Amino acid sequence: IGRLVIGQNGILSTPAVSCIIRKIKAAGGIILTASHSPGGPGGEFGVKFEVANGGPAPDVVSEKIYQISKTLEEYAICPDLRVDLSRLGRQEFDLENKFKPFRVEIVDSVDIYLNLLRSIFDFNMIRSFLTGPNQIKIRIDAMNGVMGPYVRKILCDELGAPANSAINCVPLEDFGGQPPDPNLTYAAALLEAMRGGEYGFGAAFDADGDRYMILGQNGFFVNASDSLAIIAANLSCIPYFRQMGVRGFGRSMPTSTALDKVAKVMKVPVYETPTGWRYFSNLMDSGRCSLCGEESFGTGSDHLREKDGLWAVLVWLSILAARKQSVEEIVRDHWAKFGRHYYCRFDYEGLEPRTAYFIMRDLEALITNKTFSNQQFAVGSNIYSVERTDSFEYMDPVDGTVTKRQGLRIVFSDASRLIFRMSASSHVRATLRIYAESYERDPSQHDKEPQAVLSPLIAIALKISQIHERTGRKGPTVIT
C-alpha cells in the first residue's frame, strides 16, 4: 500500500468511507469503529474491511484474509511514523520499501460525501422547508459519535437548520457515557425533548453514522421497518430516483414484510437476504436493487454500498417537504393504504455462547420436526396455526453462493411471524434476538400498542425456546 486517505482528525462516517473509496477508486478501506458487534478481548473495538465497491467485504474475501493471516511469518512496523491528522493535505514518508514515498492524505471528513448528497437531493427544497415561513423545527442527536461534523456542516451550515437544533455533536471516545445506539432505550433524551411538542422532526445517529432513528412531534416513533417501507413508497420525492428509476428492493430476513406490500403495488421485486449489508452489495452492483434496509435502523440505496443514516434523514425531510404533512400523518396514511405491521425485537445480550448455541440447536430441532407444522397455539382468545417453518438460507441470485443457518422462522397462517437469530456481540459473549411481527389490515385496529398486539406471539416464543429458564433471565436486555 502506497497511499492512505484519512479523514481529518481521524473521523469519517461509514457511508463517507464508502463514498471516498468509490470516488478515488481505492483498492479498499479499513474502518476502526466502536461497532455494535465489536471484536477485541473485551468486545470493545471493531475493524471492518471495505472492498473496492465501497461495501463490506463478502464472506469469500473475509475467509481469504483469514487464511492468509495464518501463513504470515513476519511483519514490520515503523514506530517513529508521526502523522498530523488535523492538517489537510498530503504528507510523505520514506519507509525504505518499494513505495517511495509513502503518502498519507488527510481530507475533509464531510466534503466528498456532501457533494454526493447534493447530486441526490433537492437541497433548495429542503432548505426552504427548514428556513422558510412554514419552517419545521428539528432536533438532531449525533450521540457524541462521528456524526457531529456531518450534522453541523450539512444540516446546519448547508441547509440552514439552527445550530441549537443539533445536540451531542462533539465526538467523544466514550460517547458521553451513553451507548450510541439510535433506539428508544438509549436515545431517551431525544425522545423526551420530542414529547414536549416543540419539534416536528427528530433523528438520532449511531457511532459511525450508518444507522438512524426517526421521531415525529410528541415523540411519535417510526420503527425501522416502517421507515424503510415509507421511503420506498415515496421515492418519487427524490430527484435521484426520478432520474434513475427503481429496479428492486432488498431487506434482511428479520425485517418486517411491510416493504413487500409496497413492492407489490410498485411491481418491483423484493430480495430477502441474511442480515449483513454485504448481501445487498452484490444485488446493487448487478443492477437488481435500488433501495435496501434492515430492522436495526440501517437503510440505504445504490448511491453507495453501505447503509447511510444521514441520507435516510434527508429522504425523510424531502418527503415531509414534498407532502406537507407531519411524520405521524405520513405514517398513518401509509398504514391506511398498505396495512400496519406490528413489529418488535427483543435482545438477550451478553449470553454465554455455549448456552445460546444449545438454545438455538434445540429450537431448530423442534420447529423443523414435521409434527410442529401442524401445531396450533392458543393464547387467550388468539389461536395461531403454524403454516411453515425453516432455518433460513439464501442463494445469491448474482453468483449462486449459498449462505445457510441464518435464523429460524415460524410463519403462521395469518402471516404473523416469529424469528430467532444469533448475533455474536464478541467472541466471549453472544446475543440472541427474537423478532415478532403481526399484520393488521383494518385501519380501526391501527392504534394499539405493539407489545399488546404482539404479546401472544411473544408468549409462544418464550414457551418454545425456554430462554428464560435456560439463561436465568427474567426478560430481554433491550426491546426495540
Protein backbone atom coordinates (compact mmCIF):
# COMPACT_ATOMS: atom_id res chain seq x y z
CA ILE A 1 0.00 0.00 0.00
CA GLY A 2 1.50 3.29 -1.07
CA ARG A 3 -1.27 5.72 -0.24
CA LEU A 4 -3.60 6.20 2.71
CA VAL A 5 -6.55 8.61 2.70
CA ILE A 6 -7.73 9.52 6.20
CA GLY A 7 -10.49 11.82 7.42
CA GLN A 8 -9.46 14.98 9.25
CA ASN A 9 -8.84 14.29 12.94
CA GLY A 10 -9.24 10.59 12.17
CA ILE A 11 -13.01 10.89 11.75
CA LEU A 12 -15.09 9.51 8.88
CA SER A 13 -18.61 8.12 8.93
CA THR A 14 -19.06 4.65 7.45
CA PRO A 15 -21.06 5.97 4.45
CA ALA A 16 -18.39 8.63 3.88
CA VAL A 17 -15.74 5.89 3.74
CA SER A 18 -17.81 4.07 1.12
CA CYS A 19 -18.22 7.32 -0.80
CA ILE A 20 -14.49 8.10 -0.82
CA ILE A 21 -13.50 4.55 -1.83
CA ARG A 22 -15.79 4.82 -4.86
CA LYS A 23 -14.75 8.41 -5.68
CA ILE A 24 -10.97 7.82 -5.69
CA LYS A 25 -11.23 4.20 -6.92
CA ALA A 26 -9.37 2.89 -3.88
CA ALA A 27 -8.48 -0.78 -3.52
CA GLY A 28 -10.47 -0.85 -0.28
CA GLY A 29 -10.91 0.74 3.09
CA ILE A 30 -10.37 -0.04 6.76
CA ILE A 31 -12.81 1.27 9.36
CA LEU A 32 -11.78 1.26 13.03
CA THR A 33 -15.02 1.53 14.93
CA ALA A 34 -16.81 1.01 18.20
CA SER A 35 -19.24 -1.15 16.28
CA HIS A 36 -22.36 -2.60 17.88
CA SER A 37 -20.85 -6.01 17.03
CA PRO A 38 -17.23 -5.36 18.07
CA GLY A 39 -14.22 -7.61 18.47
CA GLY A 40 -11.26 -7.38 20.78
CA PRO A 41 -10.61 -9.25 24.04
CA GLY A 42 -13.28 -7.27 25.89
CA GLY A 43 -15.62 -6.78 22.94
CA GLU A 44 -14.84 -3.05 22.87
CA PHE A 45 -13.49 -2.48 19.37
CA GLY A 46 -14.09 -3.47 15.76
CA VAL A 47 -12.20 -3.49 12.47
CA LYS A 48 -14.27 -3.56 9.28
CA PHE A 49 -12.81 -4.03 5.81
CA GLU A 50 -14.49 -2.48 2.79
CA VAL A 51 -13.75 -3.75 -0.73
CA ALA A 52 -13.30 -1.70 -3.90
CA ASN A 53 -17.04 -1.16 -4.48
CA GLY A 54 -17.24 0.61 -1.09
CA GLY A 55 -19.20 -2.20 0.56
CA PRO A 56 -18.40 -4.63 3.38
CA ALA A 57 -16.12 -7.49 2.45
CA PRO A 58 -18.13 -10.53 1.30
CA ASP A 59 -17.65 -13.81 3.12
CA VAL A 60 -15.25 -15.15 0.48
CA VAL A 61 -12.92 -12.15 0.95
CA SER A 62 -13.04 -12.35 4.76
CA GLU A 63 -12.23 -16.06 4.59
CA LYS A 64 -9.33 -15.41 2.21
CA ILE A 65 -7.92 -12.74 4.55
CA TYR A 66 -8.19 -15.17 7.45
CA GLN A 67 -6.42 -17.95 5.53
CA ILE A 68 -3.59 -15.60 4.50
CA SER A 69 -3.24 -14.41 8.11
CA LYS A 70 -2.35 -17.96 9.13
CA THR A 71 0.60 -18.06 6.72
CA LEU A 72 2.27 -14.76 7.70
CA GLU A 73 5.79 -15.30 9.02
CA GLU A 74 6.84 -11.76 9.84
CA TYR A 75 5.71 -8.15 9.74
CA ALA A 76 7.45 -4.79 10.03
CA ILE A 77 6.33 -1.61 11.75
CA CYS A 78 7.53 1.98 11.67
CA PRO A 79 7.44 3.12 15.31
CA ASP A 80 8.63 6.66 14.55
CA LEU A 81 5.96 7.48 11.97
CA ARG A 82 4.12 10.63 13.03
CA VAL A 83 1.11 11.90 11.08
CA ASP A 84 -0.68 15.16 11.83
CA LEU A 85 -4.32 14.11 11.43
CA SER A 86 -5.57 17.68 11.82
CA ARG A 87 -3.66 19.13 8.82
CA LEU A 88 -5.42 18.81 5.46
CA GLY A 89 -3.25 17.81 2.53
CA ARG A 90 -0.52 15.31 1.67
CA GLN A 91 2.27 14.16 3.95
CA GLU A 92 5.02 11.95 2.53
CA PHE A 93 7.35 9.49 4.25
CA ASP A 94 10.23 7.30 3.17
CA LEU A 95 9.65 3.92 4.77
CA GLU A 96 12.51 2.17 2.95
CA ASN A 97 10.26 -0.02 0.84
CA LYS A 98 9.26 -0.23 -2.81
CA PHE A 99 6.74 2.59 -2.44
CA LYS A 100 8.75 5.78 -2.38
CA PRO A 101 7.43 7.90 -0.91
CA PHE A 102 4.63 6.51 1.29
CA ARG A 103 1.84 9.07 1.02
CA VAL A 104 -0.74 9.96 3.67
CA GLU A 105 -3.52 12.29 2.53
CA ILE A 106 -5.74 13.99 5.10
CA VAL A 107 -9.08 15.01 3.59
CA ASP A 108 -12.09 16.98 4.81
CA SER A 109 -14.30 14.41 6.56
CA VAL A 110 -17.51 15.78 5.07
CA ASP A 111 -16.68 17.40 1.72
CA ILE A 112 -16.71 14.49 -0.78
CA TYR A 113 -19.78 12.94 0.86
CA LEU A 114 -21.63 16.29 0.85
CA ASN A 115 -21.01 16.68 -2.88
CA LEU A 116 -22.59 13.26 -3.47
CA LEU A 117 -25.68 14.23 -1.44
CA ARG A 118 -26.04 17.44 -3.47
CA SER A 119 -26.40 15.30 -6.58
CA ILE A 120 -29.15 13.15 -5.00
CA PHE A 121 -31.46 15.60 -3.24
CA ASP A 122 -33.19 18.90 -3.96
CA PHE A 123 -31.25 20.93 -1.38
CA ASN A 124 -33.23 24.08 -2.19
CA MET A 125 -36.49 22.34 -1.28
CA ILE A 126 -35.07 21.02 1.99
CA ARG A 127 -33.51 24.40 2.83
CA SER A 128 -36.84 26.17 2.28
CA PHE A 129 -38.52 23.58 4.48
CA LEU A 130 -36.03 24.25 7.31
CA THR A 131 -35.83 28.06 6.95
CA GLY A 132 -38.95 29.35 5.14
CA PRO A 133 -42.13 30.88 6.57
CA ASN A 134 -43.62 27.45 7.30
CA GLN A 135 -40.36 26.01 8.58
CA ILE A 136 -40.28 22.88 10.69
CA LYS A 137 -38.27 22.77 13.91
CA ILE A 138 -35.96 19.77 14.05
CA ARG A 139 -33.92 18.11 16.77
CA ILE A 140 -30.91 16.00 15.71
CA ASP A 141 -28.86 13.93 18.17
CA ALA A 142 -25.38 12.88 16.96
CA MET A 143 -24.95 10.88 20.20
CA ASN A 144 -21.31 12.04 20.51
CA GLY A 145 -20.23 9.74 17.68
CA VAL A 146 -18.64 10.71 14.37
CA MET A 147 -21.79 12.35 13.00
CA GLY A 148 -21.26 15.70 14.73
CA PRO A 149 -19.25 17.29 11.88
CA TYR A 150 -21.72 15.96 9.29
CA VAL A 151 -24.80 17.23 11.13
CA ARG A 152 -23.30 20.68 11.67
CA LYS A 153 -21.90 21.15 8.16
CA ILE A 154 -24.77 19.62 6.16
CA LEU A 155 -27.94 20.17 8.17
CA CYS A 156 -26.94 23.44 9.87
CA ASP A 157 -24.43 25.23 7.59
CA GLU A 158 -25.62 23.94 4.21
CA LEU A 159 -29.37 23.51 4.79
CA GLY A 160 -29.97 26.25 7.35
CA ALA A 161 -31.17 24.40 10.44
CA PRO A 162 -30.46 26.46 13.58
CA ALA A 163 -27.22 25.47 15.33
CA ASN A 164 -29.11 24.69 18.56
CA SER A 165 -31.22 22.07 16.77
CA ALA A 166 -28.17 19.77 16.73
CA ILE A 167 -27.09 18.21 20.02
CA ASN A 168 -24.25 15.97 21.22
CA CYS A 169 -22.18 16.89 18.16
CA VAL A 170 -18.73 16.61 19.77
CA PRO A 171 -17.25 13.16 19.05
CA LEU A 172 -16.15 11.64 22.35
CA GLU A 173 -14.16 8.48 22.98
CA ASP A 174 -16.73 7.22 25.48
CA PHE A 175 -19.73 8.81 23.68
CA GLY A 176 -20.53 10.76 26.82
CA GLY A 177 -21.04 7.55 28.79
CA GLN A 178 -24.13 6.51 26.82
CA PRO A 179 -24.20 3.72 24.20
CA PRO A 180 -24.50 5.48 20.80
CA ASP A 181 -27.36 3.30 19.63
CA PRO A 182 -30.30 5.13 17.98
CA ASN A 183 -33.25 3.47 19.68
CA LEU A 184 -35.84 4.40 22.28
CA THR A 185 -33.75 2.90 25.09
CA TYR A 186 -30.53 4.85 24.52
CA ALA A 187 -31.84 8.00 22.78
CA ALA A 188 -34.11 8.73 25.75
CA ALA A 189 -33.07 12.40 25.96
CA LEU A 190 -34.13 12.99 22.35
CA LEU A 191 -37.41 11.18 22.94
CA GLU A 192 -38.11 13.36 25.99
CA ALA A 193 -37.40 16.55 24.01
CA MET A 194 -39.69 15.43 21.18
CA ARG A 195 -42.50 14.62 23.60
CA GLY A 196 -42.64 18.29 24.55
CA GLY A 197 -44.24 19.08 21.19
CA GLU A 198 -41.82 21.88 20.26
CA TYR A 199 -40.14 19.95 17.46
CA GLY A 200 -41.81 18.47 14.39
CA PHE A 201 -38.99 16.11 13.41
CA GLY A 202 -36.29 14.33 15.36
CA ALA A 203 -33.48 11.96 14.45
CA ALA A 204 -30.57 10.20 16.14
CA PHE A 205 -27.47 8.55 14.67
CA ASP A 206 -25.24 5.72 15.83
CA ALA A 207 -21.50 5.87 16.48
CA ASP A 208 -20.32 5.56 12.89
CA GLY A 209 -23.23 7.17 11.06
CA ASP A 210 -24.78 4.29 9.17
CA ARG A 211 -27.87 3.79 11.35
CA TYR A 212 -30.60 6.25 12.39
CA MET A 213 -33.92 6.67 14.18
CA ILE A 214 -36.87 8.89 13.21
CA LEU A 215 -39.28 10.57 15.65
CA GLY A 216 -42.24 12.82 14.93
CA GLN A 217 -43.89 15.52 17.02
CA ASN A 218 -44.84 14.48 20.56
CA GLY A 219 -42.36 11.59 20.34
CA PHE A 220 -44.17 9.65 17.61
CA PHE A 221 -41.84 6.73 16.89
CA VAL A 222 -41.27 5.31 13.40
CA ASN A 223 -39.95 1.77 13.58
CA ALA A 224 -37.16 0.92 11.17
CA SER A 225 -39.19 -1.50 9.05
CA ASP A 226 -41.97 1.08 8.59
CA SER A 227 -39.39 3.75 7.76
CA LEU A 228 -37.94 1.56 5.00
CA ALA A 229 -41.38 0.87 3.53
CA ILE A 230 -42.44 4.53 3.69
CA ILE A 231 -39.22 5.64 1.99
CA ALA A 232 -39.86 3.02 -0.74
CA ALA A 233 -43.41 4.29 -1.30
CA ASN A 234 -42.21 7.91 -1.62
CA LEU A 235 -39.06 7.61 -3.72
CA SER A 236 -40.60 9.91 -6.34
CA CYS A 237 -39.90 12.80 -3.92
CA ILE A 238 -36.14 12.34 -4.53
CA PRO A 239 -34.59 13.65 -7.80
CA TYR A 240 -32.08 10.76 -7.87
CA PHE A 241 -34.84 8.15 -8.16
CA ARG A 242 -36.88 10.19 -10.60
CA GLN A 243 -33.83 10.11 -12.85
CA MET A 244 -32.52 6.59 -12.17
CA GLY A 245 -35.80 4.72 -11.70
CA VAL A 246 -36.47 1.90 -9.23
CA ARG A 247 -35.28 -1.61 -10.13
CA GLY A 248 -35.91 -3.56 -6.94
CA PHE A 249 -35.88 -3.60 -3.15
CA GLY A 250 -33.89 -5.61 -0.62
CA ARG A 251 -34.49 -6.34 3.04
CA SER A 252 -32.88 -8.60 5.60
CA MET A 253 -34.97 -11.62 6.53
CA PRO A 254 -35.83 -10.44 10.09
CA THR A 255 -37.04 -7.05 8.78
CA SER A 256 -40.83 -6.86 8.62
CA THR A 257 -42.64 -7.59 5.38
CA ALA A 258 -44.01 -4.02 5.17
CA LEU A 259 -41.61 -3.39 2.28
CA ASP A 260 -43.08 -6.34 0.38
CA LYS A 261 -46.53 -4.71 0.34
CA VAL A 262 -45.08 -1.57 -1.28
CA ALA A 263 -43.08 -3.59 -3.79
CA LYS A 264 -46.19 -5.46 -4.88
CA VAL A 265 -48.02 -2.21 -5.65
CA MET A 266 -44.97 -0.75 -7.43
CA LYS A 267 -44.47 -4.04 -9.31
CA VAL A 268 -40.79 -4.39 -8.42
CA PRO A 269 -39.03 -7.46 -6.96
CA VAL A 270 -38.03 -7.86 -3.31
CA TYR A 271 -34.87 -9.73 -2.32
CA GLU A 272 -34.88 -11.28 1.16
CA THR A 273 -31.29 -11.64 2.37
CA PRO A 274 -29.44 -12.68 5.53
CA THR A 275 -28.56 -9.92 7.97
CA GLY A 276 -25.45 -8.07 6.79
CA TRP A 277 -25.03 -5.28 4.25
CA ARG A 278 -22.57 -7.28 2.15
CA TYR A 279 -25.51 -9.28 0.75
CA PHE A 280 -27.09 -6.12 -0.67
CA SER A 281 -23.87 -5.01 -2.40
CA ASN A 282 -23.99 -7.83 -4.95
CA LEU A 283 -27.62 -7.02 -5.76
CA MET A 284 -26.84 -3.33 -6.27
CA ASP A 285 -23.68 -3.94 -8.30
CA SER A 286 -25.70 -6.15 -10.67
CA GLY A 287 -28.42 -3.51 -11.07
CA ARG A 288 -31.10 -5.53 -9.30
CA CYS A 289 -31.65 -3.37 -6.22
CA SER A 290 -32.23 0.38 -5.76
CA LEU A 291 -33.20 0.53 -2.07
CA CYS A 292 -32.50 -1.78 0.85
CA GLY A 293 -32.70 -1.90 4.61
CA GLU A 294 -32.50 -3.78 7.89
CA GLU A 295 -34.64 -3.73 11.01
CA SER A 296 -31.68 -2.44 13.06
CA PHE A 297 -32.26 1.09 11.68
CA GLY A 298 -30.00 0.69 8.66
CA THR A 299 -31.28 1.96 5.29
CA GLY A 300 -29.50 2.85 2.07
CA SER A 301 -29.67 2.89 -1.71
CA ASP A 302 -27.42 2.20 -4.67
CA HIS A 303 -25.77 5.63 -4.35
CA LEU A 304 -23.31 3.80 -2.05
CA ARG A 305 -22.65 0.27 -0.86
CA GLU A 306 -23.28 0.99 2.82
CA LYS A 307 -26.26 1.89 4.91
CA ASP A 308 -26.43 5.64 5.31
CA GLY A 309 -28.10 7.33 8.27
CA LEU A 310 -27.88 10.95 7.10
CA TRP A 311 -29.08 10.00 3.62
CA ALA A 312 -32.17 8.42 5.23
CA VAL A 313 -32.83 11.55 7.30
CA LEU A 314 -32.59 13.73 4.17
CA VAL A 315 -35.04 11.38 2.42
CA TRP A 316 -37.48 11.87 5.29
CA LEU A 317 -37.07 15.66 5.20
CA SER A 318 -37.67 15.57 1.43
CA ILE A 319 -40.85 13.54 1.90
CA LEU A 320 -42.12 15.89 4.61
CA ALA A 321 -41.36 18.94 2.45
CA ALA A 322 -43.00 17.46 -0.66
CA ARG A 323 -46.12 16.10 1.03
CA LYS A 324 -46.60 18.95 3.51
CA GLN A 325 -47.70 16.52 6.22
CA SER A 326 -46.33 15.64 9.64
CA VAL A 327 -44.36 12.47 10.36
CA GLU A 328 -47.38 10.93 12.08
CA GLU A 329 -49.76 11.82 9.24
CA ILE A 330 -47.44 10.25 6.67
CA VAL A 331 -47.08 7.06 8.72
CA ARG A 332 -50.83 6.76 9.34
CA ASP A 333 -51.60 7.37 5.67
CA HIS A 334 -49.15 4.59 4.83
CA TRP A 335 -50.84 2.18 7.27
CA ALA A 336 -54.26 3.05 5.84
CA LYS A 337 -53.07 2.22 2.33
CA PHE A 338 -50.87 -0.82 2.97
CA GLY A 339 -51.90 -2.07 6.43
CA ARG A 340 -49.88 -1.94 9.64
CA HIS A 341 -47.14 -4.40 10.52
CA TYR A 342 -46.87 -4.53 14.30
CA TYR A 343 -43.25 -5.38 14.99
CA CYS A 344 -40.83 -5.73 17.88
CA ARG A 345 -37.35 -7.11 18.56
CA PHE A 346 -36.15 -8.49 21.88
CA ASP A 347 -32.41 -8.73 22.54
CA TYR A 348 -30.94 -11.10 25.10
CA GLU A 349 -27.41 -9.72 25.28
CA GLY A 350 -24.27 -10.97 26.98
CA LEU A 351 -25.25 -14.64 26.95
CA GLU A 352 -22.75 -17.43 27.44
CA PRO A 353 -22.15 -18.57 23.82
CA ARG A 354 -22.48 -22.27 24.65
CA THR A 355 -25.89 -21.70 26.27
CA ALA A 356 -27.11 -19.63 23.33
CA TYR A 357 -25.86 -22.25 20.86
CA PHE A 358 -27.77 -25.08 22.56
CA ILE A 359 -30.96 -23.00 22.80
CA MET A 360 -30.84 -22.43 19.04
CA ARG A 361 -29.87 -26.04 18.29
CA ASP A 362 -32.76 -27.46 20.31
CA LEU A 363 -35.21 -24.91 18.90
CA GLU A 364 -34.20 -25.78 15.34
CA ALA A 365 -34.77 -29.48 16.02
CA LEU A 366 -38.20 -28.68 17.49
CA ILE A 367 -39.58 -26.40 14.77
CA THR A 368 -38.21 -28.34 11.79
CA ASN A 369 -39.79 -31.57 13.02
CA LYS A 370 -42.71 -32.46 10.73
CA THR A 371 -45.14 -32.66 13.65
CA PHE A 372 -44.54 -28.99 14.51
CA SER A 373 -46.01 -27.82 11.19
CA ASN A 374 -49.47 -29.00 12.26
CA GLN A 375 -49.43 -27.25 15.62
CA GLN A 376 -51.85 -24.65 16.87
CA PHE A 377 -51.12 -22.32 19.77
CA ALA A 378 -53.94 -20.84 21.84
CA VAL A 379 -53.03 -17.72 23.82
CA GLY A 380 -56.04 -16.08 25.42
CA SER A 381 -58.59 -15.57 22.64
CA ASN A 382 -55.92 -15.84 19.92
CA ILE A 383 -55.24 -19.04 18.01
CA TYR A 384 -52.14 -19.27 15.84
CA SER A 385 -51.79 -22.07 13.30
CA VAL A 386 -48.29 -22.86 12.07
CA GLU A 387 -48.12 -22.61 8.27
CA ARG A 388 -44.42 -23.25 7.71
CA THR A 389 -41.07 -23.24 9.45
CA ASP A 390 -37.46 -23.27 8.33
CA SER A 391 -33.85 -22.48 9.04
CA PHE A 392 -33.34 -19.59 6.64
CA GLU A 393 -30.80 -19.98 3.86
CA TYR A 394 -30.04 -17.65 0.97
CA MET A 395 -28.85 -18.26 -2.56
CA ASP A 396 -27.29 -15.15 -4.07
CA PRO A 397 -29.01 -14.59 -7.43
CA VAL A 398 -25.81 -12.98 -8.78
CA ASP A 399 -23.07 -15.51 -8.01
CA GLY A 400 -25.05 -18.51 -6.76
CA THR A 401 -23.32 -18.71 -3.38
CA VAL A 402 -25.44 -20.27 -0.62
CA THR A 403 -25.48 -18.99 2.97
CA LYS A 404 -27.13 -21.34 5.48
CA ARG A 405 -28.47 -21.22 9.05
CA GLN A 406 -29.27 -17.50 9.11
CA GLY A 407 -32.13 -17.68 11.59
CA LEU A 408 -35.14 -19.79 12.49
CA ARG A 409 -38.53 -18.77 11.11
CA ILE A 410 -42.06 -19.67 12.13
CA VAL A 411 -44.76 -18.29 9.81
CA PHE A 412 -48.39 -18.59 10.91
CA SER A 413 -51.47 -18.80 8.70
CA ASP A 414 -52.42 -15.16 9.42
CA ALA A 415 -48.97 -14.02 8.14
CA SER A 416 -47.67 -13.44 11.67
CA ARG A 417 -44.01 -14.35 12.09
CA LEU A 418 -41.60 -15.35 14.84
CA ILE A 419 -37.87 -15.29 14.12
CA PHE A 420 -34.96 -16.38 16.29
CA ARG A 421 -31.42 -15.37 15.39
CA MET A 422 -27.98 -15.46 16.96
CA SER A 423 -25.88 -12.30 16.72
CA ALA A 424 -22.36 -12.65 18.07
CA SER A 425 -21.56 -9.50 20.04
CA SER A 426 -17.98 -10.66 20.75
CA HIS A 427 -16.09 -13.91 20.91
CA VAL A 428 -16.79 -14.21 24.64
CA ARG A 429 -20.47 -13.18 24.71
CA ALA A 430 -23.47 -13.81 22.45
CA THR A 431 -26.76 -12.08 21.70
CA LEU A 432 -29.96 -13.97 20.93
CA ARG A 433 -32.64 -11.93 19.19
CA ILE A 434 -36.35 -12.71 18.98
CA TYR A 435 -38.47 -10.89 16.37
CA ALA A 436 -42.28 -10.82 16.41
CA GLU A 437 -44.47 -9.49 13.59
CA SER A 438 -48.24 -9.31 13.16
CA TYR A 439 -50.08 -7.79 10.17
CA GLU A 440 -53.30 -5.81 10.56
CA ARG A 441 -55.19 -4.57 7.50
CA ASP A 442 -58.16 -2.98 9.34
CA PRO A 443 -57.48 0.76 9.93
CA SER A 444 -59.67 0.69 13.05
CA GLN A 445 -57.05 -1.60 14.62
CA HIS A 446 -54.01 0.58 13.89
CA ASP A 447 -53.86 2.46 17.20
CA LYS A 448 -52.87 -0.36 19.50
CA GLU A 449 -49.61 -0.65 21.41
CA PRO A 450 -47.26 -3.02 19.52
CA GLN A 451 -46.40 -5.04 22.61
CA ALA A 452 -50.08 -5.55 23.42
CA VAL A 453 -50.73 -6.88 19.91
CA LEU A 454 -47.59 -8.99 19.90
CA SER A 455 -47.80 -10.37 23.46
CA PRO A 456 -49.46 -13.66 22.37
CA LEU A 457 -46.68 -14.27 19.84
CA ILE A 458 -44.06 -13.40 22.42
CA ALA A 459 -45.64 -15.86 24.85
CA ILE A 460 -45.32 -18.58 22.19
CA ALA A 461 -41.69 -17.64 21.54
CA LEU A 462 -40.80 -17.84 25.22
CA LYS A 463 -42.64 -21.12 25.68
CA ILE A 464 -40.96 -22.98 22.83
CA SER A 465 -37.47 -21.51 23.35
CA GLN A 466 -37.42 -21.74 27.16
CA ILE A 467 -34.95 -18.87 27.02
CA HIS A 468 -35.75 -17.52 30.49
CA GLU A 469 -35.47 -20.91 32.14
CA ARG A 470 -32.24 -21.78 30.34
CA THR A 471 -30.47 -18.46 30.84
CA GLY A 472 -31.81 -17.44 34.25
CA ARG A 473 -33.03 -14.17 32.71
CA LYS A 474 -36.33 -12.58 33.62
CA GLY A 475 -36.56 -10.63 30.37
CA PRO A 476 -34.62 -9.18 27.43
CA THR A 477 -31.81 -6.67 27.77
CA VAL A 478 -33.20 -4.29 25.14
CA ILE A 479 -36.59 -4.02 23.43
CA THR A 480 -36.85 -2.16 20.10
